[in-house]
């Protein structure tokens, strides 16, 4: 870990970028693979203990980097809440703390039949849940939405509207401005207009003092 942290610091010094985006940070691998051994040949802790170590690793990384670069930015692929098993994730607190952006990649498969969020209502609820939790922990929520070749452009229009209404940040877009024949190009007008709108009114959508409407009554009523 210390070696990896040194690389974050030295690469910042060399290239001057603002921060790091992890696609897999210093996570104890027992959540994905069983029977893992450490460098001394001892079993790596699993279950709750493994999750606690992962959360500690994330905090330690931030603490060491912030000592050198207090304004360094951290972004993660992950989530603060396990919606399938209805439980908060210890590492979620560490990722979101101190301005971390947590982008849930599971959103990109929400349209599949086996997904727990394959209806617009359940998907919207998941977006709100993650955004509220990230903001309460001092961070930001991001969404890894389905790419254009997976969904109809009409779905793109709805999913990004829900993403922004729930105060999530987009993980990326597929502008394809110079590639109209590309499958992503068919989505560009939709994303362009929406992204221009949220950029213009970003203070009202993502402002730290803003909170979502909790009323079940539609605002226009």
Protein backbone atom coordinates (compact mmCIF):
# COMPACT_ATOMS: atom_id res chain seq x y z
CA UNK A 1 0.00 0.00 0.00
CA UNK A 2 2.72 2.46 0.92
CA UNK A 3 4.37 1.83 -2.44
CA UNK A 4 1.09 2.54 -4.22
CA UNK A 5 0.53 5.69 -2.21
CA UNK A 6 4.00 6.92 -3.10
CA UNK A 7 3.16 6.46 -6.78
CA UNK A 8 0.02 8.60 -6.38
CA UNK A 9 2.11 11.37 -4.83
CA UNK A 10 5.02 11.15 -7.26
CA UNK A 11 2.79 10.99 -10.33
CA UNK A 12 0.98 14.11 -9.11
CA UNK A 13 4.32 15.85 -8.83
CA UNK A 14 5.36 14.71 -12.29
CA UNK A 15 2.13 15.30 -14.23
CA UNK A 16 0.23 17.77 -12.05
CA UNK A 17 -3.17 16.21 -12.37
CA UNK A 18 -5.94 16.91 -9.90
CA UNK A 19 -6.43 13.46 -8.43
CA UNK A 20 -7.06 9.80 -9.11
CA UNK A 21 -9.96 7.72 -10.30
CA UNK A 22 -9.77 4.14 -8.98
CA UNK A 23 -11.25 1.24 -10.90
CA UNK A 24 -10.48 -1.00 -7.95
CA UNK A 25 -8.61 0.62 -5.06
CA UNK A 26 -6.76 -1.08 -2.18
CA UNK A 27 -9.52 -3.61 -1.56
CA UNK A 28 -9.07 -6.84 0.39
CA UNK A 29 -9.80 -9.39 -2.37
CA UNK A 30 -11.73 -11.88 -0.22
CA UNK A 31 -14.98 -10.24 -1.30
CA UNK A 32 -14.36 -11.69 -4.75
CA UNK A 33 -11.90 -14.58 -4.35
CA UNK A 34 -11.64 -17.16 -1.57
CA UNK A 35 -8.48 -18.71 -0.19
CA UNK A 36 -6.24 -15.69 -0.79
CA UNK A 37 -2.88 -15.64 1.02
CA UNK A 38 -0.76 -12.64 1.90
CA UNK A 39 2.95 -12.25 1.11
CA UNK A 40 3.82 -14.25 4.23
CA UNK A 41 1.57 -17.13 3.21
CA UNK A 42 -1.10 -16.35 5.78
CA UNK A 43 -4.84 -16.32 4.93
CA UNK A 44 -6.24 -12.89 4.14
CA UNK A 45 -9.13 -11.98 6.48
CA UNK A 46 -12.54 -12.53 4.94
CA UNK A 47 -16.08 -11.30 5.53
CA UNK A 48 -16.63 -8.43 7.96
CA UNK A 49 -12.97 -8.32 8.94
CA UNK A 50 -11.91 -7.99 5.32
CA UNK A 51 -14.38 -5.16 4.79
CA UNK A 52 -13.05 -3.32 7.85
CA UNK A 53 -9.48 -3.61 6.58
CA UNK A 54 -10.55 -2.28 3.17
CA UNK A 55 -12.23 0.71 4.82
CA UNK A 56 -9.10 1.38 6.86
CA UNK A 57 -6.94 1.12 3.72
CA UNK A 58 -9.05 3.75 1.97
CA UNK A 59 -8.83 6.20 4.87
CA UNK A 60 -5.10 5.61 5.28
CA UNK A 61 -4.53 6.34 1.59
CA UNK A 62 -6.38 9.63 1.83
CA UNK A 63 -4.59 10.66 5.00
CA UNK A 64 -1.15 10.05 3.53
CA UNK A 65 -1.86 11.84 0.24
CA UNK A 66 -3.58 14.79 1.94
CA UNK A 67 -0.45 15.39 4.01
CA UNK A 68 1.32 16.32 0.78
CA UNK A 69 -1.57 17.53 -1.40
CA UNK A 70 -4.52 18.72 0.72
CA UNK A 71 -6.67 19.42 -2.37
CA UNK A 72 -6.13 16.03 -4.01
CA UNK A 73 -9.32 14.49 -5.44
CA UNK A 74 -10.42 10.87 -5.05
CA UNK A 75 -12.96 9.06 -7.22
CA UNK A 76 -13.96 5.42 -6.89
CA UNK A 77 -15.92 2.73 -8.63
CA UNK A 78 -18.13 1.49 -5.86
CA UNK A 79 -21.13 2.15 -3.65
CA UNK A 80 -21.81 3.18 -0.07
CA UNK A 81 -24.77 0.85 0.32
CA UNK A 82 -25.41 -2.78 -0.56
CA UNK A 83 -28.97 -2.43 -1.83
CA UNK A 84 -29.32 -6.14 -2.63
CA UNK A 85 -28.62 -7.21 0.97
CA UNK A 86 -29.94 -3.95 2.47
CA UNK A 87 -26.87 -2.95 4.45
CA UNK A 88 -24.37 -0.07 4.50
CA UNK A 89 -20.84 -0.84 3.36
CA UNK A 90 -17.99 0.12 5.73
CA UNK A 91 -15.76 1.18 2.86
CA UNK A 92 -18.52 3.45 1.59
CA UNK A 93 -17.93 5.77 4.53
CA UNK A 94 -14.21 5.91 3.75
CA UNK A 95 -14.69 6.46 0.01
CA UNK A 96 -17.24 9.26 0.34
CA UNK A 97 -15.52 11.06 3.22
CA UNK A 98 -13.54 14.25 2.61
CA UNK A 99 -15.08 14.99 -0.77
CA UNK A 100 -14.75 11.56 -2.38
CA UNK A 101 -16.85 10.82 -5.45
CA UNK A 102 -18.33 7.31 -5.47
CA UNK A 103 -19.56 6.15 -8.90
CA UNK A 104 -21.82 3.10 -8.80
CA UNK A 105 -21.04 1.02 -11.86
CA UNK A 106 -23.90 -1.39 -11.20
CA UNK A 107 -26.25 1.19 -12.75
CA UNK A 108 -25.03 0.26 -16.21
CA UNK A 109 -26.89 -3.06 -16.01
CA UNK A 110 -30.12 -1.79 -14.44
CA UNK A 111 -32.08 -2.50 -17.63
CA UNK A 112 -31.42 -6.26 -17.42
CA UNK A 113 -34.24 -8.49 -16.24
CA UNK A 114 -32.14 -9.87 -13.37
CA UNK A 115 -31.32 -6.40 -12.04
CA UNK A 116 -32.80 -5.34 -8.72
CA UNK A 117 -33.51 -1.91 -10.27
CA UNK A 118 -35.02 -2.79 -13.63
CA UNK A 119 -38.01 -0.50 -13.17
CA UNK A 120 -37.78 3.29 -13.30
CA UNK A 121 -39.25 3.59 -9.79
CA UNK A 122 -36.75 1.27 -8.15
CA UNK A 123 -33.88 2.74 -10.13
CA UNK A 124 -34.81 6.30 -9.10
CA UNK A 125 -35.02 5.19 -5.48
CA UNK A 126 -31.56 3.69 -5.69
CA UNK A 127 -30.15 6.92 -7.13
CA UNK A 128 -31.66 8.98 -4.32
CA UNK A 129 -30.48 6.56 -1.66
CA UNK A 130 -26.88 6.63 -2.85
CA UNK A 131 -26.80 10.40 -3.35
CA UNK A 132 -28.25 11.10 0.09
CA UNK A 133 -25.79 8.79 1.77
CA UNK A 134 -22.76 10.15 -0.09
CA UNK A 135 -23.70 13.75 0.68
CA UNK A 136 -24.29 12.95 4.36
CA UNK A 137 -20.77 11.50 4.51
CA UNK A 138 -19.19 14.56 2.93
CA UNK A 139 -18.87 13.23 -0.59
CA UNK A 140 -20.59 13.00 -3.95
CA UNK A 141 -22.45 10.27 -5.82
CA UNK A 142 -21.81 9.39 -9.44
CA UNK A 143 -23.59 7.09 -11.84
CA UNK A 144 -22.10 4.77 -14.46
CA UNK A 145 -25.06 4.65 -16.83
CA UNK A 146 -25.66 2.09 -19.60
CA UNK A 147 -23.69 2.97 -22.75
CA UNK A 148 -25.61 3.88 -25.90
CA UNK A 149 -25.27 0.48 -27.54
CA UNK A 150 -27.24 -1.07 -24.66
CA UNK A 151 -30.30 1.17 -24.48
CA UNK A 152 -32.66 3.13 -26.71
CA UNK A 153 -32.06 6.91 -26.98
CA UNK A 154 -35.40 7.43 -25.22
CA UNK A 155 -34.01 5.53 -22.23
CA UNK A 156 -31.00 7.83 -22.29
CA UNK A 157 -33.29 10.83 -22.00
CA UNK A 158 -35.04 9.38 -18.95
CA UNK A 159 -32.04 7.89 -17.17
CA UNK A 160 -29.94 11.06 -17.26
CA UNK A 161 -32.91 13.17 -16.15
CA UNK A 162 -33.33 10.87 -13.14
CA UNK A 163 -29.59 10.91 -12.48
CA UNK A 164 -29.50 14.70 -12.24
CA UNK A 165 -32.81 15.02 -10.38
CA UNK A 166 -31.39 12.71 -7.72
CA UNK A 167 -28.25 14.91 -7.42
CA UNK A 168 -25.90 12.32 -8.89
CA UNK A 169 -22.99 13.23 -11.14
CA UNK A 170 -22.52 11.62 -14.57
CA UNK A 171 -19.60 9.24 -14.77
CA UNK A 172 -19.09 9.93 -18.48
CA UNK A 173 -20.95 10.62 -21.69
CA UNK A 174 -20.70 9.47 -25.29
CA UNK A 175 -20.72 12.70 -27.28
CA UNK A 176 -19.44 11.31 -30.59
CA UNK A 177 -19.89 14.77 -32.07
CA UNK A 178 -17.72 13.97 -35.07
CA UNK A 179 -18.98 10.41 -35.46
CA UNK A 180 -22.72 10.69 -36.24
CA UNK A 181 -22.75 7.24 -37.75
CA UNK A 182 -21.40 5.71 -34.55
CA UNK A 183 -23.99 4.23 -32.20
CA UNK A 184 -23.04 6.81 -29.57
CA UNK A 185 -23.67 9.61 -32.03
CA UNK A 186 -27.42 9.01 -31.99
CA UNK A 187 -27.40 9.94 -28.29
CA UNK A 188 -25.33 13.08 -28.60
CA UNK A 189 -28.18 15.61 -29.04
CA UNK A 190 -29.89 14.22 -25.93
CA UNK A 191 -26.84 14.32 -23.74
CA UNK A 192 -25.65 17.65 -25.12
CA UNK A 193 -28.86 19.47 -24.18
CA UNK A 194 -29.13 17.84 -20.76
CA UNK A 195 -25.49 18.40 -19.90
CA UNK A 196 -25.65 22.04 -20.97
CA UNK A 197 -28.70 22.52 -18.78
CA UNK A 198 -27.16 20.99 -15.65
CA UNK A 199 -23.90 22.88 -16.20
CA UNK A 200 -25.78 26.16 -16.43
CA UNK A 201 -27.83 25.42 -13.29
CA UNK A 202 -25.29 23.28 -11.44
CA UNK A 203 -25.50 25.37 -8.27
CA UNK A 204 -29.19 24.46 -7.96
CA UNK A 205 -28.65 20.78 -8.72
CA UNK A 206 -25.44 19.95 -6.87
CA UNK A 207 -25.04 22.83 -4.40
CA UNK A 208 -23.91 21.52 -1.02
CA UNK A 209 -26.77 23.33 0.74
CA UNK A 210 -29.42 21.88 -1.59
CA UNK A 211 -31.56 18.90 -0.67
CA UNK A 212 -34.03 16.86 -2.67
CA UNK A 213 -37.77 17.28 -2.34
CA UNK A 214 -39.11 14.64 0.07
CA UNK A 215 -42.79 15.20 -0.70
CA UNK A 216 -44.67 12.46 -2.51
CA UNK A 217 -46.83 15.11 -4.17
CA UNK A 218 -45.68 16.13 -7.64
CA UNK A 219 -44.19 19.60 -7.53
CA UNK A 220 -46.48 20.95 -10.27
CA UNK A 221 -49.51 20.12 -8.13
